[in-house]
């Protein structure tokens, strides 16, 4: 890809096939993540109050 951008070389046909596969796979992963996010059961638990210290680094 860098050769295409900097040197003006044209990518070979394998690049285009791999690019299409990567785009399709990315879309499928995003859709699956969104679907999983909206379909799983979950519960919200109230956290108990607690104290903690933040120590600065010297």
PDB file of N, CA and C in Angstrom:
ATOM      1  N   UNK A   1       0.832  -1.197   0.000  1.00  0.00           N
ATOM      2  CA  UNK A   1       0.000   0.000   0.000  1.00  0.00           C
ATOM      3  C   UNK A   1       0.865   1.246   0.000  1.00  0.00           C
ATOM      4  N   UNK A   2       1.980   1.205   0.714  1.00  0.00           N
ATOM      5  CA  UNK A   2       2.853   2.373   0.748  1.00  0.00           C
ATOM      6  C   UNK A   2       3.404   2.670  -0.641  1.00  0.00           C
ATOM      7  N   UNK A   3       3.699   1.618  -1.408  1.00  0.00           N
ATOM      8  CA  UNK A   3       4.188   1.820  -2.764  1.00  0.00           C
ATOM      9  C   UNK A   3       3.154   2.515  -3.633  1.00  0.00           C
ATOM     10  N   UNK A   4       1.902   2.193  -3.421  1.00  0.00           N
ATOM     11  CA  UNK A   4       0.824   2.831  -4.173  1.00  0.00           C
ATOM     12  C   UNK A   4       0.740   4.315  -3.834  1.00  0.00           C
ATOM     13  N   UNK A   5       0.850   4.625  -2.540  1.00  0.00           N
ATOM     14  CA  UNK A   5       0.709   6.021  -2.116  1.00  0.00           C
ATOM     15  C   UNK A   5       1.921   6.866  -2.489  1.00  0.00           C
ATOM     16  N   UNK A   6       3.112   6.337  -2.255  1.00  0.00           N
ATOM     17  CA  UNK A   6       4.315   7.147  -2.437  1.00  0.00           C
ATOM     18  C   UNK A   6       4.910   7.056  -3.834  1.00  0.00           C
ATOM     19  N   UNK A   7       4.830   5.881  -4.442  1.00  0.00           N
ATOM     20  CA  UNK A   7       5.491   5.691  -5.724  1.00  0.00           C
ATOM     21  C   UNK A   7       4.528   5.619  -6.900  1.00  0.00           C
ATOM     22  N   UNK A   8       3.230   5.593  -6.613  1.00  0.00           N
ATOM     23  CA  UNK A   8       2.258   5.528  -7.684  1.00  0.00           C
ATOM     24  C   UNK A   8       2.119   4.151  -8.306  1.00  0.00           C
ATOM     25  N   UNK A   9       2.648   3.120  -7.649  1.00  0.00           N
ATOM     26  CA  UNK A   9       2.530   1.754  -8.167  1.00  0.00           C
ATOM     27  C   UNK A   9       1.096   1.262  -8.008  1.00  0.00           C
ATOM     28  N   UNK A  10       0.665   0.461  -8.932  1.00  0.00           N
ATOM     29  CA  UNK A  10      -0.685  -0.087  -8.886  1.00  0.00           C
ATOM     30  C   UNK A  10      -0.646  -1.440  -8.163  1.00  0.00           C
ATOM     31  N   UNK A  11      -1.502  -1.628  -7.139  1.00  0.00           N
ATOM     32  CA  UNK A  11      -1.511  -2.912  -6.427  1.00  0.00           C
ATOM     33  C   UNK A  11      -1.919  -4.058  -7.357  1.00  0.00           C
ATOM     34  N   UNK A  12      -1.427  -5.246  -7.055  1.00  0.00           N
ATOM     35  CA  UNK A  12      -1.780  -6.426  -7.843  1.00  0.00           C
ATOM     36  C   UNK A  12      -3.173  -6.895  -7.453  1.00  0.00           C
ATOM     37  N   UNK A  13      -3.744  -7.795  -8.233  1.00  0.00           N
ATOM     38  CA  UNK A  13      -5.123  -8.230  -8.023  1.00  0.00           C
ATOM     39  C   UNK A  13      -5.324  -8.887  -6.666  1.00  0.00           C
ATOM     40  N   UNK A  14      -4.303  -9.533  -6.112  1.00  0.00           N
ATOM     41  CA  UNK A  14      -4.438 -10.173  -4.804  1.00  0.00           C
ATOM     42  C   UNK A  14      -4.738  -9.145  -3.710  1.00  0.00           C
ATOM     43  N   UNK A  15      -4.194  -7.948  -3.872  1.00  0.00           N
ATOM     44  CA  UNK A  15      -4.453  -6.895  -2.896  1.00  0.00           C
ATOM     45  C   UNK A  15      -5.938  -6.575  -2.840  1.00  0.00           C
ATOM     46  N   UNK A  16      -6.571  -6.457  -3.984  1.00  0.00           N
ATOM     47  CA  UNK A  16      -7.987  -6.104  -4.030  1.00  0.00           C
ATOM     48  C   UNK A  16      -8.858  -7.212  -3.432  1.00  0.00           C
ATOM     49  N   UNK A  17      -8.515  -8.466  -3.700  1.00  0.00           N
ATOM     50  CA  UNK A  17      -9.260  -9.582  -3.116  1.00  0.00           C
ATOM     51  C   UNK A  17      -9.103  -9.579  -1.599  1.00  0.00           C
ATOM     52  N   UNK A  18      -7.868  -9.409  -1.120  1.00  0.00           N
ATOM     53  CA  UNK A  18      -7.625  -9.377   0.326  1.00  0.00           C
ATOM     54  C   UNK A  18      -8.338  -8.192   0.968  1.00  0.00           C
ATOM     55  N   UNK A  19      -8.340  -7.051   0.302  1.00  0.00           N
ATOM     56  CA  UNK A  19      -9.005  -5.864   0.825  1.00  0.00           C
ATOM     57  C   UNK A  19     -10.504  -6.100   0.968  1.00  0.00           C
ATOM     58  N   UNK A  20     -11.129  -6.709  -0.033  1.00  0.00           N
ATOM     59  CA  UNK A  20     -12.565  -7.003   0.022  1.00  0.00           C
ATOM     60  C   UNK A  20     -12.862  -7.967   1.161  1.00  0.00           C
ATOM     61  N   UNK A  21     -12.026  -9.001   1.323  1.00  0.00           N
ATOM     62  CA  UNK A  21     -12.219  -9.960   2.418  1.00  0.00           C
ATOM     63  C   UNK A  21     -12.099  -9.265   3.768  1.00  0.00           C
ATOM     64  N   UNK A  22     -11.118  -8.372   3.911  1.00  0.00           N
ATOM     65  CA  UNK A  22     -10.933  -7.663   5.184  1.00  0.00           C
ATOM     66  C   UNK A  22     -12.113  -6.738   5.489  1.00  0.00           C
ATOM     67  N   UNK A  23     -12.632  -6.056   4.485  1.00  0.00           N
ATOM     68  CA  UNK A  23     -13.770  -5.159   4.695  1.00  0.00           C
ATOM     69  C   UNK A  23     -15.000  -5.963   5.105  1.00  0.00           C
ATOM     70  N   UNK A  24     -15.272  -7.056   4.393  1.00  0.00           N
ATOM     71  CA  UNK A  24     -16.424  -7.897   4.726  1.00  0.00           C
ATOM     72  C   UNK A  24     -16.281  -8.464   6.133  1.00  0.00           C
ATOM     73  N   UNK A  25     -15.095  -8.942   6.489  1.00  0.00           N
ATOM     74  CA  UNK A  25     -14.865  -9.489   7.826  1.00  0.00           C
ATOM     75  C   UNK A  25     -15.054  -8.439   8.910  1.00  0.00           C
ATOM     76  N   UNK A  26     -14.581  -7.237   8.655  1.00  0.00           N
ATOM     77  CA  UNK A  26     -14.737  -6.156   9.629  1.00  0.00           C
ATOM     78  C   UNK A  26     -16.205  -5.815   9.834  1.00  0.00           C
ATOM     79  N   UNK A  27     -16.960  -5.736   8.760  1.00  0.00           N
ATOM     80  CA  UNK A  27     -18.392  -5.446   8.864  1.00  0.00           C
ATOM     81  C   UNK A  27     -19.098  -6.556   9.641  1.00  0.00           C
ATOM     82  N   UNK A  28     -18.753  -7.811   9.361  1.00  0.00           N
ATOM     83  CA  UNK A  28     -19.372  -8.929  10.070  1.00  0.00           C
ATOM     84  C   UNK A  28     -19.047  -8.893  11.567  1.00  0.00           C
ATOM     85  N   UNK A  29     -17.808  -8.565  11.914  1.00  0.00           N
ATOM     86  CA  UNK A  29     -17.430  -8.490  13.332  1.00  0.00           C
ATOM     87  C   UNK A  29     -18.176  -7.364  14.034  1.00  0.00           C
ATOM     88  N   UNK A  30     -18.315  -6.220  13.389  1.00  0.00           N
ATOM     89  CA  UNK A  30     -19.027  -5.098  13.995  1.00  0.00           C
ATOM     90  C   UNK A  30     -20.494  -5.441  14.192  1.00  0.00           C
ATOM     91  N   UNK A  31     -21.112  -6.034  13.172  1.00  0.00           N
ATOM     92  CA  UNK A  31     -22.519  -6.419  13.300  1.00  0.00           C
ATOM     93  C   UNK A  31     -22.718  -7.449  14.403  1.00  0.00           C
ATOM     94  N   UNK A  32     -21.800  -8.415  14.506  1.00  0.00           N
ATOM     95  CA  UNK A  32     -21.895  -9.434  15.544  1.00  0.00           C
ATOM     96  C   UNK A  32     -21.742  -8.817  16.931  1.00  0.00           C
ATOM     97  N   UNK A  33     -20.819  -7.883  17.065  1.00  0.00           N
ATOM     98  CA  UNK A  33     -20.609  -7.227  18.360  1.00  0.00           C
ATOM     99  C   UNK A  33     -21.836  -6.420  18.767  1.00  0.00           C
ATOM    100  N   UNK A  34     -22.435  -5.716  17.824  1.00  0.00           N
ATOM    101  CA  UNK A  34     -23.628  -4.928  18.128  1.00  0.00           C
ATOM    102  C   UNK A  34     -24.780  -5.852  18.513  1.00  0.00           C
ATOM    103  N   UNK A  35     -24.954  -6.930  17.773  1.00  0.00           N
ATOM    104  CA  UNK A  35     -26.033  -7.872  18.070  1.00  0.00           C
ATOM    105  C   UNK A  35     -25.819  -8.517  19.435  1.00  0.00           C
ATOM    106  N   UNK A  36     -24.603  -8.935  19.740  1.00  0.00           N
ATOM    107  CA  UNK A  36     -24.308  -9.552  21.025  1.00  0.00           C
ATOM    108  C   UNK A  36     -24.530  -8.561  22.161  1.00  0.00           C
ATOM    109  N   UNK A  37     -24.176  -7.320  21.949  1.00  0.00           N
ATOM    110  CA  UNK A  37     -24.327  -6.283  22.965  1.00  0.00           C
ATOM    111  C   UNK A  37     -25.800  -6.063  23.305  1.00  0.00           C
ATOM    112  N   UNK A  38     -26.681  -6.230  22.345  1.00  0.00           N
ATOM    113  CA  UNK A  38     -28.090  -5.969  22.582  1.00  0.00           C
ATOM    114  C   UNK A  38     -28.891  -7.207  22.954  1.00  0.00           C
ATOM    115  N   UNK A  39     -28.285  -8.385  22.950  1.00  0.00           N
ATOM    116  CA  UNK A  39     -29.061  -9.594  23.211  1.00  0.00           C
ATOM    117  C   UNK A  39     -28.668 -10.324  24.482  1.00  0.00           C
ATOM    118  N   UNK A  40     -27.550  -9.972  25.094  1.00  0.00           N
ATOM    119  CA  UNK A  40     -27.146 -10.723  26.285  1.00  0.00           C
ATOM    120  C   UNK A  40     -27.863 -10.196  27.526  1.00  0.00           C
ATOM    121  N   UNK A  41     -28.093 -11.097  28.456  1.00  0.00           N
ATOM    122  CA  UNK A  41     -28.727 -10.694  29.712  1.00  0.00           C
ATOM    123  C   UNK A  41     -27.669 -10.113  30.636  1.00  0.00           C
ATOM    124  N   UNK A  42     -28.063  -9.123  31.394  1.00  0.00           N
ATOM    125  CA  UNK A  42     -27.134  -8.532  32.340  1.00  0.00           C
ATOM    126  C   UNK A  42     -27.911  -7.932  33.500  1.00  0.00           C
ATOM    127  N   UNK A  43     -27.227  -7.754  34.597  1.00  0.00           N
ATOM    128  CA  UNK A  43     -27.831  -7.145  35.780  1.00  0.00           C
ATOM    129  C   UNK A  43     -26.922  -6.031  36.269  1.00  0.00           C
ATOM    130  N   UNK A  44     -27.533  -5.039  36.851  1.00  0.00           N
ATOM    131  CA  UNK A  44     -26.773  -3.934  37.405  1.00  0.00           C
ATOM    132  C   UNK A  44     -26.769  -4.074  38.919  1.00  0.00           C
ATOM    133  N   UNK A  45     -25.592  -4.053  39.498  1.00  0.00           N
ATOM    134  CA  UNK A  45     -25.447  -4.181  40.940  1.00  0.00           C
ATOM    135  C   UNK A  45     -24.939  -2.860  41.511  1.00  0.00           C
ATOM    136  N   UNK A  46     -25.502  -2.488  42.624  1.00  0.00           N
ATOM    137  CA  UNK A  46     -25.053  -1.260  43.271  1.00  0.00           C
ATOM    138  C   UNK A  46     -23.728  -1.548  43.968  1.00  0.00           C
ATOM    139  N   UNK A  47     -22.762  -0.711  43.704  1.00  0.00           N
ATOM    140  CA  UNK A  47     -21.466  -0.867  44.341  1.00  0.00           C
ATOM    141  C   UNK A  47     -21.521  -0.274  45.741  1.00  0.00           C
ATOM    142  N   UNK A  48     -20.887  -0.955  46.664  1.00  0.00           N
ATOM    143  CA  UNK A  48     -20.826  -0.426  48.017  1.00  0.00           C
ATOM    144  C   UNK A  48     -19.847   0.736  48.047  1.00  0.00           C
ATOM    145  N   UNK A  49     -20.128   1.685  48.917  1.00  0.00           N
ATOM    146  CA  UNK A  49     -19.224   2.823  49.052  1.00  0.00           C
ATOM    147  C   UNK A  49     -17.915   2.361  49.675  1.00  0.00           C
ATOM    148  N   UNK A  50     -16.840   2.891  49.193  1.00  0.00           N
ATOM    149  CA  UNK A  50     -15.535   2.568  49.747  1.00  0.00           C
ATOM    150  C   UNK A  50     -14.621   3.774  49.574  1.00  0.00           C
ATOM    151  N   UNK A  51     -13.618   3.831  50.414  1.00  0.00           N
ATOM    152  CA  UNK A  51     -12.649   4.912  50.355  1.00  0.00           C
ATOM    153  C   UNK A  51     -11.365   4.396  49.727  1.00  0.00           C
ATOM    154  N   UNK A  52     -10.724   5.241  48.986  1.00  0.00           N
ATOM    155  CA  UNK A  52      -9.439   4.883  48.427  1.00  0.00           C
ATOM    156  C   UNK A  52      -8.585   6.148  48.292  1.00  0.00           C
ATOM    157  N   UNK A  53      -7.301   5.960  48.246  1.00  0.00           N
ATOM    158  CA  UNK A  53      -6.377   7.065  48.168  1.00  0.00           C
ATOM    159  C   UNK A  53      -5.724   7.112  46.799  1.00  0.00           C
ATOM    160  N   UNK A  54      -5.471   8.308  46.334  1.00  0.00           N
ATOM    161  CA  UNK A  54      -4.695   8.487  45.114  1.00  0.00           C
ATOM    162  C   UNK A  54      -3.355   9.055  45.543  1.00  0.00           C
ATOM    163  N   UNK A  55      -2.317   8.322  45.282  1.00  0.00           N
ATOM    164  CA  UNK A  55      -0.975   8.763  45.688  1.00  0.00           C
ATOM    165  C   UNK A  55      -0.269   9.322  44.478  1.00  0.00           C
ATOM    166  N   UNK A  56       0.234  10.530  44.609  1.00  0.00           N
ATOM    167  CA  UNK A  56       0.960  11.128  43.493  1.00  0.00           C
ATOM    168  C   UNK A  56       2.370  10.567  43.429  1.00  0.00           C
ATOM    169  N   UNK A  57       2.866  10.446  42.205  1.00  0.00           N
ATOM    170  CA  UNK A  57       4.236   9.953  42.027  1.00  0.00           C
ATOM    171  C   UNK A  57       5.176  11.135  42.041  1.00  0.00           C
ATOM    172  N   UNK A  58       6.285  10.970  42.734  1.00  0.00           N
ATOM    173  CA  UNK A  58       7.242  12.065  42.823  1.00  0.00           C
ATOM    174  C   UNK A  58       8.289  11.961  41.752  1.00  0.00           C
TER     175      UNK A  58
END
